[in-house]
Amino acid sequence: MIKCGRGAHKPSRPHKKAGMARRQDVQYSFYAFISRMKNINRWALMRNSSAENIQEHSHMVAVLAHGLAVIGRDIFGKKTDPDKAASAALFHDATEIITGDMPTPVKYYSRSINLAYKEVERLAAENLLATLPDEMRPEYEKLMRGYDGDTGRYVKAADTLAAYIKCVEELRAGNNEFALAARQTREKLEKMDMEEIRYFMQHFMQPFELTLDELNSNNTML
């Protein structure tokens, strides 16, 4: 188990003078930890009709971040990088392998709690990055610490959009537990005031409320 702070686990590092033969014996656990994202469920305080883990969530956020960046580039003529947005989104919740998924009402209950959690996330990122070879660490550090500018905006928007889609799917399944979360998340999306989100909501959102048979009946290719 990875530990945060002093005494944290760090894999042994090969000395440069030891040569390639010794380096080939070193094992790093980064991807094994990433694989365990599937064991951490989201929405812990809510009754779910269909459980969602952070691996599933991260995949959907990556799909949506890529999509929003493509909309920005191809519909609105902006200079965006869909691939960078998708890559950053894949790792945006990676630290939760260590911290777990803290419910939003708890995370934002007070400024002091939020600041403390951010410090925990920082330590978790350091410990997770320590399970990589030194040469690979800078690339993943950029992904896990997040990007500023358009990439960061797309990942944040996609994260919120994925949460809203989850609420819509739960409501469609008859689970009113997500009614308030759906309204609050929709308001959060609107406050972002992004034309990419408005385009997505206008052209891609309604099908999420359909059944599989309804989706198939609307697609003559299936």
Protein backbone atom coordinates (compact mmCIF):
# COMPACT_ATOMS: atom_id res chain seq x y z
CA MET A 1 0.00 0.00 0.00
CA ILE A 2 1.37 3.43 -0.88
CA LYS A 3 1.73 5.77 2.09
CA CYS A 4 1.66 9.57 2.00
CA GLY A 5 4.25 11.79 3.66
CA ARG A 6 7.36 10.81 5.60
CA GLY A 7 8.23 7.17 5.34
CA ALA A 8 6.32 6.78 2.07
CA HIS A 9 7.07 3.75 -0.03
CA LYS A 10 9.44 4.40 -2.92
CA PRO A 11 10.67 1.72 -5.29
CA SER A 12 14.38 1.09 -5.38
CA ARG A 13 16.20 3.07 -8.03
CA PRO A 14 19.01 1.61 -10.16
CA HIS A 15 22.26 3.58 -9.95
CA LYS A 16 23.33 4.88 -13.34
CA LYS A 17 26.70 3.18 -13.02
CA ALA A 18 25.10 -0.19 -12.45
CA GLY A 19 24.40 -0.60 -16.17
CA MET A 20 21.45 -1.86 -18.17
CA ALA A 21 21.62 -5.40 -16.80
CA ARG A 22 20.81 -4.23 -13.31
CA ARG A 23 18.15 -1.78 -14.54
CA GLN A 24 16.30 -4.61 -16.23
CA ASP A 25 15.77 -6.27 -12.83
CA VAL A 26 13.86 -3.31 -11.35
CA GLN A 27 10.06 -3.58 -11.21
CA TYR A 28 7.82 -0.49 -11.03
CA SER A 29 4.25 -0.60 -9.75
CA PHE A 30 2.72 2.52 -11.36
CA TYR A 31 0.50 0.73 -13.88
CA ALA A 32 -0.51 -1.92 -11.36
CA PHE A 33 -1.78 0.86 -9.10
CA ILE A 34 -3.57 2.54 -12.02
CA SER A 35 -5.29 -0.77 -12.74
CA ARG A 36 -6.82 -0.65 -9.25
CA MET A 37 -8.87 2.42 -10.11
CA LYS A 38 -11.62 -0.04 -10.99
CA ASN A 39 -11.89 -1.00 -7.31
CA ILE A 40 -12.84 2.51 -6.11
CA ASN A 41 -16.50 3.44 -6.46
CA ARG A 42 -17.86 6.96 -6.86
CA TRP A 43 -20.99 8.50 -5.34
CA ALA A 44 -20.38 6.73 -2.04
CA LEU A 45 -23.15 8.55 -0.15
CA MET A 46 -25.77 7.96 -2.86
CA ARG A 47 -27.93 4.94 -3.64
CA ASN A 48 -26.89 3.91 -7.16
CA SER A 49 -28.91 1.83 -9.59
CA SER A 50 -25.63 1.14 -11.40
CA ALA A 51 -22.32 1.47 -9.55
CA GLU A 52 -19.60 3.58 -11.18
CA ASN A 53 -15.91 3.27 -10.38
CA ILE A 54 -13.24 5.88 -11.03
CA GLN A 55 -11.74 3.90 -13.92
CA GLU A 56 -15.06 4.00 -15.76
CA HIS A 57 -15.50 7.65 -14.86
CA SER A 58 -11.99 8.58 -16.04
CA HIS A 59 -12.58 6.87 -19.39
CA MET A 60 -15.82 8.81 -19.90
CA VAL A 61 -14.17 12.08 -18.88
CA ALA A 62 -11.39 11.41 -21.41
CA VAL A 63 -13.97 10.74 -24.15
CA LEU A 64 -15.85 13.94 -23.29
CA ALA A 65 -12.73 16.11 -22.90
CA HIS A 66 -11.56 14.92 -26.32
CA GLY A 67 -15.01 15.60 -27.74
CA LEU A 68 -15.26 19.10 -26.29
CA ALA A 69 -11.81 19.94 -27.65
CA VAL A 70 -12.81 18.61 -31.10
CA ILE A 71 -15.98 20.72 -30.96
CA GLY A 72 -13.86 23.74 -30.04
CA ARG A 73 -11.47 23.07 -32.92
CA ASP A 74 -13.76 21.86 -35.71
CA ILE A 75 -17.02 23.67 -34.93
CA PHE A 76 -15.76 26.95 -33.48
CA GLY A 77 -12.35 27.20 -35.16
CA LYS A 78 -10.25 27.28 -32.00
CA LYS A 79 -6.68 26.04 -31.65
CA THR A 80 -7.16 23.09 -29.31
CA ASP A 81 -5.36 19.81 -28.64
CA PRO A 82 -7.95 17.02 -28.24
CA ASP A 83 -5.28 14.36 -27.62
CA LYS A 84 -3.72 16.34 -24.75
CA ALA A 85 -7.16 16.92 -23.23
CA ALA A 86 -7.98 13.20 -23.40
CA SER A 87 -4.63 12.17 -21.89
CA ALA A 88 -4.95 14.62 -18.99
CA ALA A 89 -8.51 13.45 -18.34
CA LEU A 90 -7.44 9.81 -18.09
CA PHE A 91 -5.29 10.65 -15.06
CA HIS A 92 -7.31 13.47 -13.47
CA ASP A 93 -8.51 11.21 -10.62
CA ALA A 94 -5.46 8.94 -10.38
CA THR A 95 -4.59 10.15 -6.87
CA GLU A 96 -7.86 8.66 -5.63
CA ILE A 97 -6.11 5.27 -5.80
CA ILE A 98 -4.53 6.46 -2.56
CA THR A 99 -7.06 8.94 -1.14
CA GLY A 100 -10.27 7.23 -2.19
CA ASP A 101 -13.18 9.18 -3.67
CA MET A 102 -14.20 11.85 -1.17
CA PRO A 103 -17.86 12.85 -1.57
CA THR A 104 -18.26 16.37 -2.97
CA PRO A 105 -20.32 17.68 -0.01
CA VAL A 106 -17.50 16.68 2.33
CA LYS A 107 -14.67 17.93 0.08
CA TYR A 108 -16.20 21.39 -0.19
CA TYR A 109 -17.77 21.58 3.29
CA SER A 110 -15.30 24.27 4.32
CA ARG A 111 -12.26 26.04 2.95
CA SER A 112 -9.99 24.40 5.52
CA ILE A 113 -11.18 20.90 4.58
CA ASN A 114 -10.73 21.67 0.88
CA LEU A 115 -7.20 23.00 1.41
CA ALA A 116 -6.28 19.98 3.54
CA TYR A 117 -7.61 17.63 0.87
CA LYS A 118 -5.59 19.41 -1.83
CA GLU A 119 -2.45 18.81 0.26
CA VAL A 120 -3.37 15.14 0.61
CA GLU A 121 -3.83 14.98 -3.19
CA ARG A 122 -0.40 16.57 -3.69
CA LEU A 123 1.27 14.00 -1.43
CA ALA A 124 -0.65 11.20 -3.11
CA ALA A 125 0.56 12.37 -6.53
CA GLU A 126 4.16 12.45 -5.31
CA ASN A 127 3.94 8.91 -3.98
CA LEU A 128 2.26 7.58 -7.11
CA LEU A 129 4.87 9.26 -9.33
CA ALA A 130 7.58 7.62 -7.22
CA THR A 131 6.48 4.26 -8.63
CA LEU A 132 7.82 5.26 -12.07
CA PRO A 133 11.37 5.35 -13.47
CA ASP A 134 12.90 8.81 -13.11
CA GLU A 135 12.99 9.23 -16.89
CA MET A 136 9.21 8.72 -17.24
CA ARG A 137 8.12 10.76 -14.25
CA PRO A 138 8.01 14.26 -15.88
CA GLU A 139 5.48 13.15 -18.51
CA TYR A 140 3.08 11.72 -15.95
CA GLU A 141 3.66 14.57 -13.53
CA LYS A 142 2.24 16.95 -16.15
CA LEU A 143 -0.80 14.73 -16.60
CA MET A 144 -1.51 14.16 -12.92
CA ARG A 145 -0.93 17.72 -11.74
CA GLY A 146 -3.24 19.04 -14.43
CA TYR A 147 -2.92 21.64 -17.16
CA ASP A 148 -3.79 25.30 -17.19
CA GLY A 149 -5.50 27.03 -20.11
CA ASP A 150 -7.83 25.29 -22.54
CA THR A 151 -6.73 21.75 -21.64
CA GLY A 152 -7.52 22.30 -17.98
CA ARG A 153 -10.85 23.90 -18.84
CA TYR A 154 -11.84 21.00 -21.08
CA VAL A 155 -10.95 18.41 -18.43
CA LYS A 156 -12.88 20.28 -15.72
CA ALA A 157 -15.88 20.73 -18.02
CA ALA A 158 -15.78 17.07 -19.06
CA ASP A 159 -15.56 15.97 -15.42
CA THR A 160 -18.73 17.94 -14.61
CA LEU A 161 -20.44 16.81 -17.80
CA ALA A 162 -19.71 13.16 -16.98
CA ALA A 163 -21.26 13.67 -13.54
CA TYR A 164 -24.35 15.21 -15.13
CA ILE A 165 -24.67 12.29 -17.56
CA LYS A 166 -24.44 9.89 -14.61
CA CYS A 167 -27.30 11.78 -12.91
CA VAL A 168 -29.42 11.64 -16.08
CA GLU A 169 -28.86 7.90 -16.42
CA GLU A 170 -29.80 7.33 -12.78
CA LEU A 171 -32.97 9.40 -13.17
CA ARG A 172 -33.88 7.46 -16.31
CA ALA A 173 -33.56 4.29 -14.24
CA GLY A 174 -36.12 5.70 -11.82
CA ASN A 175 -33.64 6.65 -9.09
CA ASN A 176 -34.75 10.03 -7.73
CA GLU A 177 -31.78 10.04 -5.36
CA PHE A 178 -29.94 11.94 -8.12
CA ALA A 179 -32.60 14.59 -8.79
CA LEU A 180 -30.95 17.37 -6.77
CA ALA A 181 -27.46 16.41 -7.98
CA ALA A 182 -28.72 16.62 -11.58
CA ARG A 183 -30.05 20.16 -11.08
CA GLN A 184 -26.94 21.35 -9.28
CA THR A 185 -24.60 19.82 -11.86
CA ARG A 186 -26.60 21.30 -14.74
CA GLU A 187 -26.36 24.74 -13.13
CA LYS A 188 -22.61 24.27 -12.72
CA LEU A 189 -22.27 23.47 -16.42
CA GLU A 190 -24.27 26.57 -17.37
CA LYS A 191 -22.10 28.78 -15.16
CA MET A 192 -19.01 27.61 -17.05
CA ASP A 193 -20.40 29.55 -20.02
CA MET A 194 -18.57 27.47 -22.64
CA GLU A 195 -19.92 27.33 -26.18
CA GLU A 196 -18.56 23.79 -26.51
CA ILE A 197 -20.77 22.67 -23.62
CA ARG A 198 -23.81 24.43 -25.09
CA TYR A 199 -23.18 22.71 -28.42
CA PHE A 200 -22.84 19.32 -26.73
CA MET A 201 -26.01 19.82 -24.70
CA GLN A 202 -27.94 20.83 -27.82
CA HIS A 203 -26.72 18.10 -30.15
CA PHE A 204 -25.53 15.14 -28.03
CA MET A 205 -27.32 15.14 -24.68
CA GLN A 206 -30.84 13.94 -25.49
CA PRO A 207 -29.81 10.42 -26.63
CA PHE A 208 -28.52 9.69 -23.12
CA GLU A 209 -32.18 9.59 -22.02
CA LEU A 210 -33.10 6.91 -24.58
CA THR A 211 -33.23 3.15 -24.17
CA LEU A 212 -31.05 0.91 -26.34
CA ASP A 213 -34.04 0.03 -28.54
CA GLU A 214 -34.80 3.72 -29.00
CA LEU A 215 -31.19 4.44 -29.88
CA ASN A 216 -31.21 1.62 -32.43
CA SER A 217 -34.51 2.76 -33.98
CA ASN A 218 -33.02 6.21 -34.53
CA ASN A 219 -29.99 4.77 -36.30
CA THR A 220 -30.79 3.17 -39.64
CA MET A 221 -27.28 1.69 -39.83
CA LEU A 222 -27.96 -0.64 -36.88
